[in-house]
């Protein structure tokens, strides 16, 4: 392969890793937010009898 193709593939590899890490951080934030919200609402549902 030519030098230009190797450079383009390297750039695409780095960009794909950056996107992958960003999506992992986003998914982790959503999971943390769900668990935090669930645990903060849990005591209200246990101790209040509606």
PDB file of N, CA and C in Angstrom:
ATOM      1  N   UNK A   1       0.846  -1.184   0.000  1.00  0.00           N
ATOM      2  CA  UNK A   1       0.000   0.000   0.000  1.00  0.00           C
ATOM      3  C   UNK A   1       0.889   1.245   0.000  1.00  0.00           C
ATOM      4  N   UNK A   2       0.345   2.303  -0.517  1.00  0.00           N
ATOM      5  CA  UNK A   2       1.136   3.520  -0.603  1.00  0.00           C
ATOM      6  C   UNK A   2       1.183   4.220   0.750  1.00  0.00           C
ATOM      7  N   UNK A   3       2.085   5.168   0.844  1.00  0.00           N
ATOM      8  CA  UNK A   3       2.254   5.913   2.087  1.00  0.00           C
ATOM      9  C   UNK A   3       1.014   6.740   2.398  1.00  0.00           C
ATOM     10  N   UNK A   4       0.358   7.230   1.365  1.00  0.00           N
ATOM     11  CA  UNK A   4      -0.840   8.039   1.551  1.00  0.00           C
ATOM     12  C   UNK A   4      -1.978   7.196   2.133  1.00  0.00           C
ATOM     13  N   UNK A   5      -2.130   5.957   1.638  1.00  0.00           N
ATOM     14  CA  UNK A   5      -3.176   5.073   2.156  1.00  0.00           C
ATOM     15  C   UNK A   5      -2.932   4.719   3.620  1.00  0.00           C
ATOM     16  N   UNK A   6      -1.662   4.468   3.979  1.00  0.00           N
ATOM     17  CA  UNK A   6      -1.342   4.151   5.371  1.00  0.00           C
ATOM     18  C   UNK A   6      -1.661   5.330   6.286  1.00  0.00           C
ATOM     19  N   UNK A   7      -1.387   6.538   5.822  1.00  0.00           N
ATOM     20  CA  UNK A   7      -1.691   7.720   6.629  1.00  0.00           C
ATOM     21  C   UNK A   7      -3.193   7.880   6.815  1.00  0.00           C
ATOM     22  N   UNK A   8      -3.950   7.693   5.753  1.00  0.00           N
ATOM     23  CA  UNK A   8      -5.412   7.825   5.842  1.00  0.00           C
ATOM     24  C   UNK A   8      -5.987   6.760   6.768  1.00  0.00           C
ATOM     25  N   UNK A   9      -5.482   5.534   6.665  1.00  0.00           N
ATOM     26  CA  UNK A   9      -5.957   4.472   7.558  1.00  0.00           C
ATOM     27  C   UNK A   9      -5.602   4.752   9.012  1.00  0.00           C
ATOM     28  N   UNK A  10      -4.440   5.322   9.255  1.00  0.00           N
ATOM     29  CA  UNK A  10      -4.048   5.674  10.627  1.00  0.00           C
ATOM     30  C   UNK A  10      -4.960   6.766  11.189  1.00  0.00           C
ATOM     31  N   UNK A  11      -5.265   7.751  10.369  1.00  0.00           N
ATOM     32  CA  UNK A  11      -6.153   8.830  10.818  1.00  0.00           C
ATOM     33  C   UNK A  11      -7.543   8.282  11.102  1.00  0.00           C
ATOM     34  N   UNK A  12      -8.040   7.428  10.226  1.00  0.00           N
ATOM     35  CA  UNK A  12      -9.365   6.835  10.447  1.00  0.00           C
ATOM     36  C   UNK A  12      -9.378   5.942  11.687  1.00  0.00           C
ATOM     37  N   UNK A  13      -8.273   5.252  11.942  1.00  0.00           N
ATOM     38  CA  UNK A  13      -8.186   4.408  13.132  1.00  0.00           C
ATOM     39  C   UNK A  13      -8.250   5.257  14.398  1.00  0.00           C
ATOM     40  N   UNK A  14      -7.529   6.360  14.424  1.00  0.00           N
ATOM     41  CA  UNK A  14      -7.540   7.250  15.589  1.00  0.00           C
ATOM     42  C   UNK A  14      -8.925   7.869  15.772  1.00  0.00           C
ATOM     43  N   UNK A  15      -9.534   8.303  14.681  1.00  0.00           N
ATOM     44  CA  UNK A  15     -10.876   8.895  14.778  1.00  0.00           C
ATOM     45  C   UNK A  15     -11.903   7.885  15.276  1.00  0.00           C
ATOM     46  N   UNK A  16     -11.795   6.651  14.809  1.00  0.00           N
ATOM     47  CA  UNK A  16     -12.756   5.643  15.266  1.00  0.00           C
ATOM     48  C   UNK A  16     -12.570   5.339  16.753  1.00  0.00           C
ATOM     49  N   UNK A  17     -11.320   5.334  17.241  1.00  0.00           N
ATOM     50  CA  UNK A  17     -11.097   5.124  18.667  1.00  0.00           C
ATOM     51  C   UNK A  17     -11.638   6.286  19.500  1.00  0.00           C
ATOM     52  N   UNK A  18     -11.469   7.506  19.007  1.00  0.00           N
ATOM     53  CA  UNK A  18     -11.996   8.672  19.725  1.00  0.00           C
ATOM     54  C   UNK A  18     -13.517   8.600  19.802  1.00  0.00           C
ATOM     55  N   UNK A  19     -14.161   8.233  18.702  1.00  0.00           N
ATOM     56  CA  UNK A  19     -15.623   8.099  18.697  1.00  0.00           C
ATOM     57  C   UNK A  19     -16.057   6.978  19.629  1.00  0.00           C
ATOM     58  N   UNK A  20     -15.336   5.849  19.611  1.00  0.00           N
ATOM     59  CA  UNK A  20     -15.675   4.719  20.470  1.00  0.00           C
ATOM     60  C   UNK A  20     -15.566   5.088  21.952  1.00  0.00           C
ATOM     61  N   UNK A  21     -14.507   5.767  22.327  1.00  0.00           N
ATOM     62  CA  UNK A  21     -14.329   6.170  23.728  1.00  0.00           C
ATOM     63  C   UNK A  21     -15.398   7.170  24.133  1.00  0.00           C
ATOM     64  N   UNK A  22     -15.745   8.089  23.230  1.00  0.00           N
ATOM     65  CA  UNK A  22     -16.813   9.040  23.522  1.00  0.00           C
ATOM     66  C   UNK A  22     -18.146   8.357  23.742  1.00  0.00           C
ATOM     67  N   UNK A  23     -18.448   7.350  22.931  1.00  0.00           N
ATOM     68  CA  UNK A  23     -19.701   6.610  23.110  1.00  0.00           C
ATOM     69  C   UNK A  23     -19.696   5.808  24.402  1.00  0.00           C
ATOM     70  N   UNK A  24     -18.543   5.279  24.781  1.00  0.00           N
ATOM     71  CA  UNK A  24     -18.447   4.548  26.056  1.00  0.00           C
ATOM     72  C   UNK A  24     -18.678   5.485  27.239  1.00  0.00           C
ATOM     73  N   UNK A  25     -18.125   6.683  27.181  1.00  0.00           N
ATOM     74  CA  UNK A  25     -18.337   7.665  28.251  1.00  0.00           C
ATOM     75  C   UNK A  25     -19.807   8.051  28.314  1.00  0.00           C
ATOM     76  N   UNK A  26     -20.421   8.254  27.153  1.00  0.00           N
ATOM     77  CA  UNK A  26     -21.838   8.624  27.109  1.00  0.00           C
ATOM     78  C   UNK A  26     -22.714   7.508  27.691  1.00  0.00           C
ATOM     79  N   UNK A  27     -22.434   6.261  27.326  1.00  0.00           N
ATOM     80  CA  UNK A  27     -23.207   5.136  27.856  1.00  0.00           C
ATOM     81  C   UNK A  27     -23.008   5.007  29.361  1.00  0.00           C
ATOM     82  N   UNK A  28     -21.783   5.202  29.824  1.00  0.00           N
ATOM     83  CA  UNK A  28     -21.517   5.145  31.257  1.00  0.00           C
ATOM     84  C   UNK A  28     -22.254   6.237  32.014  1.00  0.00           C
ATOM     85  N   UNK A  29     -22.328   7.418  31.428  1.00  0.00           N
ATOM     86  CA  UNK A  29     -23.056   8.505  32.071  1.00  0.00           C
ATOM     87  C   UNK A  29     -24.548   8.201  32.144  1.00  0.00           C
ATOM     88  N   UNK A  30     -25.097   7.616  31.083  1.00  0.00           N
ATOM     89  CA  UNK A  30     -26.519   7.256  31.103  1.00  0.00           C
ATOM     90  C   UNK A  30     -26.811   6.177  32.140  1.00  0.00           C
ATOM     91  N   UNK A  31     -25.941   5.187  32.231  1.00  0.00           N
ATOM     92  CA  UNK A  31     -26.136   4.118  33.224  1.00  0.00           C
ATOM     93  C   UNK A  31     -26.027   4.682  34.637  1.00  0.00           C
ATOM     94  N   UNK A  32     -25.026   5.532  34.875  1.00  0.00           N
ATOM     95  CA  UNK A  32     -24.866   6.139  36.195  1.00  0.00           C
ATOM     96  C   UNK A  32     -26.073   6.985  36.545  1.00  0.00           C
ATOM     97  N   UNK A  33     -26.577   7.761  35.600  1.00  0.00           N
ATOM     98  CA  UNK A  33     -27.738   8.611  35.841  1.00  0.00           C
ATOM     99  C   UNK A  33     -28.967   7.764  36.168  1.00  0.00           C
ATOM    100  N   UNK A  34     -29.159   6.664  35.456  1.00  0.00           N
ATOM    101  CA  UNK A  34     -30.286   5.779  35.734  1.00  0.00           C
ATOM    102  C   UNK A  34     -30.186   5.183  37.132  1.00  0.00           C
ATOM    103  N   UNK A  35     -29.017   4.678  37.489  1.00  0.00           N
ATOM    104  CA  UNK A  35     -28.849   4.060  38.810  1.00  0.00           C
ATOM    105  C   UNK A  35     -29.001   5.099  39.910  1.00  0.00           C
ATOM    106  N   UNK A  36     -28.413   6.269  39.732  1.00  0.00           N
ATOM    107  CA  UNK A  36     -28.517   7.325  40.746  1.00  0.00           C
ATOM    108  C   UNK A  36     -29.958   7.766  40.930  1.00  0.00           C
ATOM    109  N   UNK A  37     -30.697   7.930  39.843  1.00  0.00           N
ATOM    110  CA  UNK A  37     -32.101   8.326  39.935  1.00  0.00           C
ATOM    111  C   UNK A  37     -32.932   7.223  40.585  1.00  0.00           C
ATOM    112  N   UNK A  38     -32.672   5.988  40.194  1.00  0.00           N
ATOM    113  CA  UNK A  38     -33.409   4.868  40.773  1.00  0.00           C
ATOM    114  C   UNK A  38     -33.166   4.764  42.267  1.00  0.00           C
ATOM    115  N   UNK A  39     -31.920   4.904  42.695  1.00  0.00           N
ATOM    116  CA  UNK A  39     -31.605   4.789  44.118  1.00  0.00           C
ATOM    117  C   UNK A  39     -32.090   5.994  44.915  1.00  0.00           C
ATOM    118  N   UNK A  40     -32.190   7.155  44.278  1.00  0.00           N
ATOM    119  CA  UNK A  40     -32.682   8.314  45.011  1.00  0.00           C
ATOM    120  C   UNK A  40     -34.204   8.277  45.151  1.00  0.00           C
ATOM    121  N   UNK A  41     -34.897   7.619  44.225  1.00  0.00           N
ATOM    122  CA  UNK A  41     -36.349   7.505  44.324  1.00  0.00           C
ATOM    123  C   UNK A  41     -36.774   6.308  45.166  1.00  0.00           C
ATOM    124  N   UNK A  42     -35.877   5.360  45.372  1.00  0.00           N
ATOM    125  CA  UNK A  42     -36.215   4.143  46.094  1.00  0.00           C
ATOM    126  C   UNK A  42     -36.645   4.409  47.529  1.00  0.00           C
ATOM    127  N   UNK A  43     -35.956   5.231  48.339  1.00  0.00           N
ATOM    128  CA  UNK A  43     -36.424   5.461  49.709  1.00  0.00           C
ATOM    129  C   UNK A  43     -37.791   6.143  49.782  1.00  0.00           C
ATOM    130  N   UNK A  44     -38.109   6.978  48.808  1.00  0.00           N
ATOM    131  CA  UNK A  44     -39.421   7.640  48.831  1.00  0.00           C
ATOM    132  C   UNK A  44     -40.530   6.618  48.609  1.00  0.00           C
ATOM    133  N   UNK A  45     -40.300   5.619  47.771  1.00  0.00           N
ATOM    134  CA  UNK A  45     -41.334   4.627  47.502  1.00  0.00           C
ATOM    135  C   UNK A  45     -41.465   3.628  48.649  1.00  0.00           C
ATOM    136  N   UNK A  46     -40.392   3.415  49.386  1.00  0.00           N
ATOM    137  CA  UNK A  46     -40.455   2.452  50.499  1.00  0.00           C
ATOM    138  C   UNK A  46     -41.164   3.060  51.691  1.00  0.00           C
ATOM    139  N   UNK A  47     -40.841   4.293  52.041  1.00  0.00           N
ATOM    140  CA  UNK A  47     -41.308   4.876  53.291  1.00  0.00           C
ATOM    141  C   UNK A  47     -42.630   5.635  53.150  1.00  0.00           C
ATOM    142  N   UNK A  48     -43.085   5.852  51.949  1.00  0.00           N
ATOM    143  CA  UNK A  48     -44.389   6.511  51.789  1.00  0.00           C
ATOM    144  C   UNK A  48     -45.414   5.489  51.344  1.00  0.00           C
ATOM    145  N   UNK A  49     -46.524   5.487  52.012  1.00  0.00           N
ATOM    146  CA  UNK A  49     -47.596   4.557  51.650  1.00  0.00           C
ATOM    147  C   UNK A  49     -48.699   5.352  50.990  1.00  0.00           C
ATOM    148  N   UNK A  50     -48.756   5.231  49.670  1.00  0.00           N
ATOM    149  CA  UNK A  50     -49.682   6.044  48.926  1.00  0.00           C
ATOM    150  C   UNK A  50     -50.916   5.301  48.669  1.00  0.00           C
TER     151      UNK A  50
END
